[in-house]
Amino acid sequence: MRSVSALGMTSEAASFDNIAPVSDELTEYDRVHIKLYMRLLDAADDGAEWTEAVNVLFGIDPDQEPERARQIHDSHLARARWMTQSGYRQLLHRPTDRD
């Protein structure tokens, strides 16, 4: 099991919501945070502890804010997984003048 920092991840502690979008439509938030979603998926796939991922990627100490940290991690990971299952199709669709 590799650590999150071993994956070359740096803090994404820019602006993010406590709960990722819950929608069947791709949002602007999703577009802005696509890199974060990919990093979360990589961390989960590599077996990184959620506590380490939330600390490195969101800049949140799970010991100080355990409920918030878990909520942020889980909701963003769920959204990242949604992106791999259906959200990506909306990224591929680019409106044209005919739409």
Protein backbone atom coordinates (compact mmCIF):
# COMPACT_ATOMS: atom_id res chain seq x y z
CA MET A 1 0.00 0.00 0.00
CA ARG A 2 1.43 3.36 -1.05
CA SER A 3 0.78 6.54 0.84
CA VAL A 4 -1.09 9.40 -0.72
CA SER A 5 2.01 11.58 -0.70
CA ALA A 6 3.93 8.80 -2.43
CA LEU A 7 1.47 9.15 -5.29
CA GLY A 8 2.86 12.63 -5.90
CA MET A 9 -0.24 14.28 -4.53
CA THR A 10 -0.17 17.73 -3.12
CA SER A 11 -2.76 19.61 -1.18
CA GLU A 12 -5.83 20.63 -3.12
CA ALA A 13 -6.92 22.78 -0.21
CA ALA A 14 -8.31 25.37 -2.57
CA SER A 15 -12.03 26.01 -2.46
CA PHE A 16 -14.23 22.96 -2.01
CA ASP A 17 -17.64 22.24 -0.53
CA ASN A 18 -18.21 20.07 2.52
CA ILE A 19 -20.45 17.88 0.37
CA ALA A 20 -19.78 17.20 -3.30
CA PRO A 21 -22.66 17.71 -5.73
CA VAL A 22 -25.41 15.10 -5.80
CA SER A 23 -26.89 15.37 -9.26
CA ASP A 24 -27.32 13.41 -12.45
CA GLU A 25 -25.85 16.37 -14.30
CA LEU A 26 -22.23 17.40 -14.51
CA THR A 27 -21.75 20.66 -12.61
CA GLU A 28 -19.23 23.44 -12.85
CA TYR A 29 -17.99 22.26 -9.44
CA ASP A 30 -17.25 18.86 -11.01
CA ARG A 31 -15.32 20.46 -13.86
CA VAL A 32 -13.24 22.54 -11.46
CA HIS A 33 -12.52 19.55 -9.20
CA ILE A 34 -11.88 16.82 -11.79
CA LYS A 35 -8.21 16.62 -10.83
CA LEU A 36 -9.15 16.18 -7.18
CA TYR A 37 -11.59 13.41 -8.11
CA MET A 38 -8.85 11.59 -10.03
CA ARG A 39 -6.49 11.87 -7.08
CA LEU A 40 -9.12 10.50 -4.71
CA LEU A 41 -9.72 7.54 -7.01
CA ASP A 42 -5.98 6.88 -7.26
CA ALA A 43 -5.62 7.01 -3.48
CA ALA A 44 -8.55 4.64 -2.94
CA ASP A 45 -7.30 2.26 -5.64
CA ASP A 46 -3.86 2.21 -4.04
CA GLY A 47 -5.32 1.40 -0.63
CA ALA A 48 -4.44 4.70 1.04
CA GLU A 49 -6.17 5.37 4.35
CA TRP A 50 -9.05 7.82 3.98
CA THR A 51 -7.60 9.86 6.85
CA GLU A 52 -4.37 10.40 4.95
CA ALA A 53 -6.19 11.22 1.71
CA VAL A 54 -8.40 13.85 3.34
CA ASN A 55 -5.40 15.38 5.09
CA VAL A 56 -3.24 15.57 1.96
CA LEU A 57 -5.89 16.42 -0.62
CA PHE A 58 -8.20 18.67 1.39
CA GLY A 59 -5.84 19.94 4.09
CA ILE A 60 -8.17 18.76 6.86
CA ASP A 61 -6.92 17.06 10.01
CA PRO A 62 -9.27 14.12 10.62
CA ASP A 63 -8.23 14.01 14.29
CA GLN A 64 -9.43 17.59 14.79
CA GLU A 65 -12.55 17.42 12.61
CA PRO A 66 -13.45 13.73 12.26
CA GLU A 67 -17.08 14.10 11.14
CA ARG A 68 -16.38 16.88 8.65
CA ALA A 69 -13.31 15.09 7.31
CA ARG A 70 -15.23 11.86 6.76
CA GLN A 71 -18.16 13.65 5.12
CA ILE A 72 -15.89 15.57 2.76
CA HIS A 73 -13.87 12.50 1.83
CA ASP A 74 -16.82 10.16 1.35
CA SER A 75 -19.00 12.57 -0.63
CA HIS A 76 -16.17 13.56 -2.97
CA LEU A 77 -15.10 9.94 -3.47
CA ALA A 78 -18.70 8.99 -4.26
CA ARG A 79 -18.87 11.82 -6.79
CA ALA A 80 -15.55 10.75 -8.29
CA ARG A 81 -16.94 7.24 -8.73
CA TRP A 82 -20.09 8.65 -10.33
CA MET A 83 -17.87 10.51 -12.78
CA THR A 84 -16.25 7.22 -13.84
CA GLN A 85 -19.62 5.54 -14.33
CA SER A 86 -21.66 8.18 -16.11
CA GLY A 87 -20.47 11.73 -15.55
CA TYR A 88 -17.56 11.35 -17.96
CA ARG A 89 -20.05 11.08 -20.86
CA GLN A 90 -21.11 14.63 -20.21
CA LEU A 91 -17.49 15.76 -20.32
CA LEU A 92 -17.19 14.22 -23.77
CA HIS A 93 -20.30 15.96 -25.09
CA ARG A 94 -19.46 19.43 -26.29
CA PRO A 95 -22.35 21.60 -27.35
CA THR A 96 -22.27 22.78 -30.94
CA ASP A 97 -24.11 25.53 -32.74
CA ARG A 98 -26.64 22.89 -33.78
CA ASP A 99 -27.54 21.91 -30.18
